[in-house]
Amino acid sequence: MKVRVLAEEKELAVQKSWIAARLTHDPKANPKTNFNCLNDFGSFFTQDIPIPAGTVIDFRRTADGQLITEIGGNLVGAVRSKDLCRAFFDMYIGDVPVSEQTKEEIGRNVVGILKSC
């Protein structure tokens, strides 16, 4: 599964807190989650990597539970955590998404993919 977003300064600043909330407060959350995964993920968005507004950021989940992050087409890191993957994608396509518009767009993309099969 893959989600592509356009960077917005405000979004990047609060994304880590959205994921943390989903890792801790979601009834489906794993109580044994290793929260180091969140720090590892957050390290991809440091001041060392310029992310101007409008930059394309791709997030991809692999079958073995890695969340892979690419910024501007360049791989910046991967974190192996099924819990992080679930929380991250729940942020976009879960019951209470951060953006209903993004959730609908992802849904349309999935329908398009299924129609092309």
N, C-alpha and C. Protein backbone atom coordinates (compact mmCIF):
# COMPACT_ATOMS: atom_id res chain seq x y z
N MET A 1 0.84 -1.17 0.00
CA MET A 1 0.00 0.00 0.00
C MET A 1 0.89 1.23 0.00
N LYS A 2 0.44 2.26 -0.69
CA LYS A 2 1.25 3.47 -0.82
C LYS A 2 0.36 4.70 -0.68
N VAL A 3 0.85 5.70 0.00
CA VAL A 3 0.18 7.00 0.10
C VAL A 3 1.17 8.06 -0.34
N ARG A 4 0.73 8.96 -1.20
CA ARG A 4 1.56 10.08 -1.66
C ARG A 4 0.91 11.35 -1.16
N VAL A 5 1.71 12.18 -0.51
CA VAL A 5 1.22 13.46 -0.01
C VAL A 5 2.13 14.58 -0.48
N LEU A 6 1.59 15.77 -0.52
CA LEU A 6 2.39 16.96 -0.78
C LEU A 6 2.69 17.59 0.56
N ALA A 7 3.95 17.86 0.78
CA ALA A 7 4.39 18.38 2.08
C ALA A 7 3.78 19.75 2.35
N GLU A 8 3.33 19.88 3.57
CA GLU A 8 2.91 21.17 4.10
C GLU A 8 3.59 21.28 5.45
N GLU A 9 4.21 22.39 5.70
CA GLU A 9 5.00 22.56 6.92
C GLU A 9 4.20 22.19 8.17
N LYS A 10 2.97 22.65 8.26
CA LYS A 10 2.14 22.38 9.43
C LYS A 10 1.89 20.88 9.58
N GLU A 11 1.61 20.20 8.47
CA GLU A 11 1.31 18.77 8.52
C GLU A 11 2.49 17.98 9.07
N LEU A 12 3.68 18.27 8.59
CA LEU A 12 4.85 17.52 9.03
C LEU A 12 5.12 17.73 10.51
N ALA A 13 4.82 18.90 11.01
CA ALA A 13 5.08 19.20 12.42
C ALA A 13 4.17 18.40 13.35
N VAL A 14 2.95 18.13 12.92
CA VAL A 14 2.01 17.44 13.81
C VAL A 14 1.80 15.97 13.45
N GLN A 15 2.34 15.50 12.36
CA GLN A 15 2.13 14.12 11.93
C GLN A 15 2.57 13.11 12.99
N LYS A 16 3.71 13.35 13.60
CA LYS A 16 4.21 12.43 14.62
C LYS A 16 3.23 12.34 15.79
N SER A 17 2.61 13.44 16.17
CA SER A 17 1.67 13.40 17.29
C SER A 17 0.39 12.66 16.90
N TRP A 18 -0.05 12.78 15.65
CA TRP A 18 -1.23 12.03 15.19
C TRP A 18 -0.96 10.53 15.28
N ILE A 19 0.21 10.12 14.83
CA ILE A 19 0.55 8.70 14.84
C ILE A 19 0.67 8.21 16.29
N ALA A 20 1.31 8.99 17.13
CA ALA A 20 1.46 8.60 18.54
C ALA A 20 0.08 8.41 19.18
N ALA A 21 -0.85 9.29 18.88
CA ALA A 21 -2.20 9.16 19.44
C ALA A 21 -2.86 7.87 18.98
N ARG A 22 -2.66 7.52 17.71
CA ARG A 22 -3.24 6.29 17.20
C ARG A 22 -2.56 5.05 17.78
N LEU A 23 -1.28 5.15 18.06
CA LEU A 23 -0.56 4.02 18.66
C LEU A 23 -0.98 3.78 20.11
N THR A 24 -1.42 4.83 20.79
CA THR A 24 -1.72 4.68 22.21
C THR A 24 -3.21 4.63 22.53
N HIS A 25 -4.05 5.34 21.77
CA HIS A 25 -5.46 5.46 22.15
C HIS A 25 -6.42 4.62 21.32
N ASP A 26 -5.96 4.08 20.24
CA ASP A 26 -6.83 3.27 19.39
C ASP A 26 -7.13 1.95 20.09
N PRO A 27 -8.41 1.55 20.14
CA PRO A 27 -8.75 0.27 20.78
C PRO A 27 -8.06 -0.93 20.13
N LYS A 28 -7.67 -0.78 18.85
CA LYS A 28 -6.99 -1.86 18.15
C LYS A 28 -5.48 -1.83 18.38
N ALA A 29 -5.00 -0.85 19.13
CA ALA A 29 -3.56 -0.68 19.34
C ALA A 29 -2.97 -1.86 20.11
N ASN A 30 -1.76 -2.19 19.75
CA ASN A 30 -1.02 -3.25 20.42
C ASN A 30 -0.42 -2.68 21.70
N PRO A 31 -0.79 -3.20 22.87
CA PRO A 31 -0.24 -2.65 24.12
C PRO A 31 1.25 -2.89 24.28
N LYS A 32 1.82 -3.76 23.46
CA LYS A 32 3.25 -4.07 23.54
C LYS A 32 4.05 -3.34 22.45
N THR A 33 3.47 -2.30 21.87
CA THR A 33 4.15 -1.54 20.82
C THR A 33 5.48 -0.98 21.33
N ASN A 34 6.50 -1.11 20.53
CA ASN A 34 7.81 -0.52 20.82
C ASN A 34 7.79 0.89 20.21
N PHE A 35 7.74 1.91 21.05
CA PHE A 35 7.61 3.28 20.57
C PHE A 35 8.89 3.85 19.97
N ASN A 36 9.98 3.09 19.98
CA ASN A 36 11.18 3.55 19.29
C ASN A 36 10.91 3.70 17.80
N CYS A 37 9.94 2.94 17.28
CA CYS A 37 9.60 3.05 15.87
C CYS A 37 9.16 4.47 15.53
N LEU A 38 8.46 5.11 16.44
CA LEU A 38 7.98 6.47 16.21
C LEU A 38 9.14 7.46 16.17
N ASN A 39 10.12 7.27 17.03
CA ASN A 39 11.31 8.14 17.00
C ASN A 39 12.10 7.93 15.72
N ASP A 40 12.23 6.66 15.31
CA ASP A 40 12.94 6.37 14.06
C ASP A 40 12.25 7.05 12.89
N PHE A 41 10.93 6.93 12.83
CA PHE A 41 10.16 7.56 11.76
C PHE A 41 10.31 9.08 11.81
N GLY A 42 10.21 9.65 12.98
CA GLY A 42 10.34 11.10 13.12
C GLY A 42 11.69 11.63 12.70
N SER A 43 12.73 10.78 12.81
CA SER A 43 14.07 11.22 12.45
C SER A 43 14.21 11.47 10.94
N PHE A 44 13.27 10.97 10.14
CA PHE A 44 13.31 11.21 8.70
C PHE A 44 12.97 12.65 8.35
N PHE A 45 12.38 13.37 9.30
CA PHE A 45 11.91 14.73 9.04
C PHE A 45 12.67 15.74 9.88
N THR A 46 13.99 15.69 9.77
CA THR A 46 14.84 16.60 10.51
C THR A 46 15.15 17.83 9.67
N GLN A 47 15.79 18.78 10.28
CA GLN A 47 16.17 20.00 9.58
C GLN A 47 17.21 19.73 8.50
N ASP A 48 17.89 18.57 8.59
CA ASP A 48 18.94 18.24 7.62
C ASP A 48 18.37 17.93 6.24
N ILE A 49 17.10 17.55 6.20
CA ILE A 49 16.46 17.21 4.92
C ILE A 49 15.46 18.32 4.58
N PRO A 50 15.79 19.14 3.60
CA PRO A 50 14.86 20.22 3.26
C PRO A 50 13.58 19.65 2.63
N ILE A 51 12.44 20.09 3.15
CA ILE A 51 11.15 19.64 2.63
C ILE A 51 10.28 20.88 2.41
N PRO A 52 10.51 21.58 1.31
CA PRO A 52 9.68 22.75 1.06
C PRO A 52 8.24 22.35 0.77
N ALA A 53 7.31 23.26 1.03
CA ALA A 53 5.91 23.00 0.73
C ALA A 53 5.78 22.57 -0.72
N GLY A 54 4.96 21.54 -0.96
CA GLY A 54 4.75 21.04 -2.31
C GLY A 54 5.64 19.85 -2.67
N THR A 55 6.61 19.52 -1.82
CA THR A 55 7.46 18.36 -2.06
C THR A 55 6.62 17.09 -1.98
N VAL A 56 6.84 16.16 -2.90
CA VAL A 56 6.11 14.89 -2.90
C VAL A 56 6.79 13.95 -1.91
N ILE A 57 5.97 13.41 -1.00
CA ILE A 57 6.46 12.43 -0.03
C ILE A 57 5.65 11.15 -0.23
N ASP A 58 6.34 10.04 -0.46
CA ASP A 58 5.68 8.74 -0.63
C ASP A 58 5.93 7.90 0.61
N PHE A 59 4.86 7.29 1.10
CA PHE A 59 4.93 6.36 2.21
C PHE A 59 4.40 5.03 1.70
N ARG A 60 5.16 3.97 1.92
CA ARG A 60 4.78 2.67 1.40
C ARG A 60 4.90 1.63 2.50
N ARG A 61 3.90 0.75 2.57
CA ARG A 61 3.93 -0.35 3.52
C ARG A 61 4.25 -1.62 2.75
N THR A 62 5.19 -2.39 3.27
CA THR A 62 5.54 -3.66 2.64
C THR A 62 4.82 -4.80 3.37
N ALA A 63 4.78 -5.95 2.74
CA ALA A 63 4.09 -7.11 3.31
C ALA A 63 4.71 -7.54 4.64
N ASP A 64 6.00 -7.28 4.82
CA ASP A 64 6.65 -7.70 6.07
C ASP A 64 6.61 -6.62 7.15
N GLY A 65 5.82 -5.57 6.94
CA GLY A 65 5.60 -4.57 7.99
C GLY A 65 6.60 -3.44 8.05
N GLN A 66 7.18 -3.06 6.91
CA GLN A 66 8.07 -1.90 6.89
C GLN A 66 7.29 -0.68 6.38
N LEU A 67 7.55 0.45 6.97
CA LEU A 67 7.03 1.72 6.46
C LEU A 67 8.21 2.41 5.80
N ILE A 68 8.16 2.52 4.49
CA ILE A 68 9.24 3.10 3.70
C ILE A 68 8.87 4.53 3.33
N THR A 69 9.80 5.45 3.54
CA THR A 69 9.56 6.86 3.26
C THR A 69 10.51 7.35 2.19
N GLU A 70 9.94 7.99 1.16
CA GLU A 70 10.72 8.64 0.11
C GLU A 70 10.30 10.10 0.05
N ILE A 71 11.29 10.97 -0.02
CA ILE A 71 11.02 12.41 -0.12
C ILE A 71 11.61 12.90 -1.42
N GLY A 72 10.77 13.46 -2.26
CA GLY A 72 11.24 13.95 -3.55
C GLY A 72 11.85 12.85 -4.40
N GLY A 73 11.37 11.63 -4.27
CA GLY A 73 11.87 10.50 -5.05
C GLY A 73 13.10 9.83 -4.47
N ASN A 74 13.60 10.33 -3.34
CA ASN A 74 14.79 9.75 -2.70
C ASN A 74 14.41 8.99 -1.44
N LEU A 75 14.89 7.77 -1.31
CA LEU A 75 14.64 6.97 -0.12
C LEU A 75 15.33 7.63 1.07
N VAL A 76 14.56 7.91 2.12
CA VAL A 76 15.16 8.49 3.32
C VAL A 76 15.17 7.52 4.48
N GLY A 77 14.37 6.45 4.40
CA GLY A 77 14.43 5.47 5.48
C GLY A 77 13.28 4.51 5.46
N ALA A 78 13.44 3.48 6.29
CA ALA A 78 12.41 2.46 6.47
C ALA A 78 12.41 2.05 7.93
N VAL A 79 11.22 1.83 8.46
CA VAL A 79 11.07 1.38 9.83
C VAL A 79 10.24 0.11 9.80
N ARG A 80 10.76 -0.94 10.42
CA ARG A 80 10.02 -2.20 10.46
C ARG A 80 9.16 -2.22 11.73
N SER A 81 7.87 -1.98 11.54
CA SER A 81 6.93 -2.01 12.65
C SER A 81 5.52 -2.09 12.07
N LYS A 82 4.89 -3.23 12.24
CA LYS A 82 3.51 -3.38 11.76
C LYS A 82 2.59 -2.42 12.49
N ASP A 83 2.88 -2.15 13.76
CA ASP A 83 2.05 -1.22 14.53
C ASP A 83 2.15 0.19 13.96
N LEU A 84 3.37 0.61 13.62
CA LEU A 84 3.55 1.93 13.02
C LEU A 84 2.84 2.01 11.67
N CYS A 85 2.96 0.97 10.86
CA CYS A 85 2.28 0.94 9.56
C CYS A 85 0.78 1.09 9.74
N ARG A 86 0.21 0.32 10.66
CA ARG A 86 -1.24 0.37 10.89
C ARG A 86 -1.66 1.77 11.34
N ALA A 87 -0.92 2.33 12.30
CA ALA A 87 -1.26 3.66 12.80
C ALA A 87 -1.11 4.73 11.73
N PHE A 88 -0.05 4.62 10.92
CA PHE A 88 0.18 5.62 9.88
C PHE A 88 -0.96 5.61 8.85
N PHE A 89 -1.28 4.43 8.33
CA PHE A 89 -2.31 4.38 7.30
C PHE A 89 -3.70 4.63 7.87
N ASP A 90 -3.91 4.31 9.14
CA ASP A 90 -5.17 4.64 9.80
C ASP A 90 -5.37 6.15 9.84
N MET A 91 -4.26 6.87 9.93
CA MET A 91 -4.32 8.33 9.95
C MET A 91 -4.95 8.87 8.66
N TYR A 92 -4.75 8.17 7.54
CA TYR A 92 -5.28 8.62 6.25
C TYR A 92 -6.56 7.92 5.83
N ILE A 93 -6.72 6.63 6.18
CA ILE A 93 -7.89 5.89 5.68
C ILE A 93 -8.71 5.25 6.78
N GLY A 94 -8.43 5.59 8.03
CA GLY A 94 -9.17 5.02 9.15
C GLY A 94 -10.53 5.68 9.33
N ASP A 95 -11.19 5.32 10.43
CA ASP A 95 -12.53 5.84 10.72
C ASP A 95 -12.55 7.35 10.90
N VAL A 96 -11.48 7.91 11.45
CA VAL A 96 -11.39 9.36 11.67
C VAL A 96 -10.09 9.85 11.01
N PRO A 97 -10.12 10.03 9.67
CA PRO A 97 -8.90 10.43 8.96
C PRO A 97 -8.54 11.89 9.23
N VAL A 98 -7.27 12.21 9.05
CA VAL A 98 -6.85 13.60 9.22
C VAL A 98 -7.42 14.48 8.11
N SER A 99 -7.75 13.86 6.98
CA SER A 99 -8.34 14.59 5.86
C SER A 99 -9.34 13.69 5.15
N GLU A 100 -10.60 14.06 5.23
CA GLU A 100 -11.64 13.29 4.54
C GLU A 100 -11.41 13.32 3.04
N GLN A 101 -10.94 14.44 2.52
CA GLN A 101 -10.65 14.58 1.09
C GLN A 101 -9.57 13.60 0.65
N THR A 102 -8.51 13.47 1.44
CA THR A 102 -7.44 12.53 1.11
C THR A 102 -7.96 11.10 1.15
N LYS A 103 -8.77 10.78 2.15
CA LYS A 103 -9.34 9.43 2.25
C LYS A 103 -10.17 9.11 1.02
N GLU A 104 -10.99 10.05 0.57
CA GLU A 104 -11.81 9.84 -0.62
C GLU A 104 -10.95 9.67 -1.86
N GLU A 105 -9.89 10.45 -1.96
CA GLU A 105 -8.98 10.34 -3.11
C GLU A 105 -8.29 8.97 -3.14
N ILE A 106 -7.87 8.50 -1.98
CA ILE A 106 -7.26 7.18 -1.90
C ILE A 106 -8.27 6.12 -2.33
N GLY A 107 -9.51 6.27 -1.87
CA GLY A 107 -10.56 5.34 -2.26
C GLY A 107 -10.78 5.31 -3.76
N ARG A 108 -10.78 6.48 -4.39
CA ARG A 108 -10.95 6.55 -5.85
C ARG A 108 -9.76 5.88 -6.56
N ASN A 109 -8.56 6.08 -6.01
CA ASN A 109 -7.38 5.45 -6.61
C ASN A 109 -7.44 3.93 -6.52
N VAL A 110 -7.92 3.42 -5.39
CA VAL A 110 -8.05 1.97 -5.21
C VAL A 110 -9.07 1.42 -6.20
N VAL A 111 -10.18 2.11 -6.36
CA VAL A 111 -11.21 1.67 -7.32
C VAL A 111 -10.61 1.66 -8.72
N GLY A 112 -9.85 2.68 -9.08
CA GLY A 112 -9.21 2.72 -10.39
C GLY A 112 -8.26 1.56 -10.61
N ILE A 113 -7.50 1.23 -9.57
CA ILE A 113 -6.57 0.10 -9.67
C ILE A 113 -7.34 -1.20 -9.87
N LEU A 114 -8.42 -1.37 -9.09
CA LEU A 114 -9.19 -2.61 -9.22
C LEU A 114 -9.86 -2.73 -10.58
N LYS A 115 -10.30 -1.62 -11.13
CA LYS A 115 -10.94 -1.65 -12.45
C LYS A 115 -9.93 -2.01 -13.56
N SER A 116 -8.66 -1.67 -13.33
CA SER A 116 -7.66 -1.94 -14.36
C SER A 116 -7.13 -3.37 -14.30
N CYS A 117 -7.52 -4.13 -13.30
CA CYS A 117 -7.05 -5.52 -13.17
C CYS A 117 -7.82 -6.46 -14.09
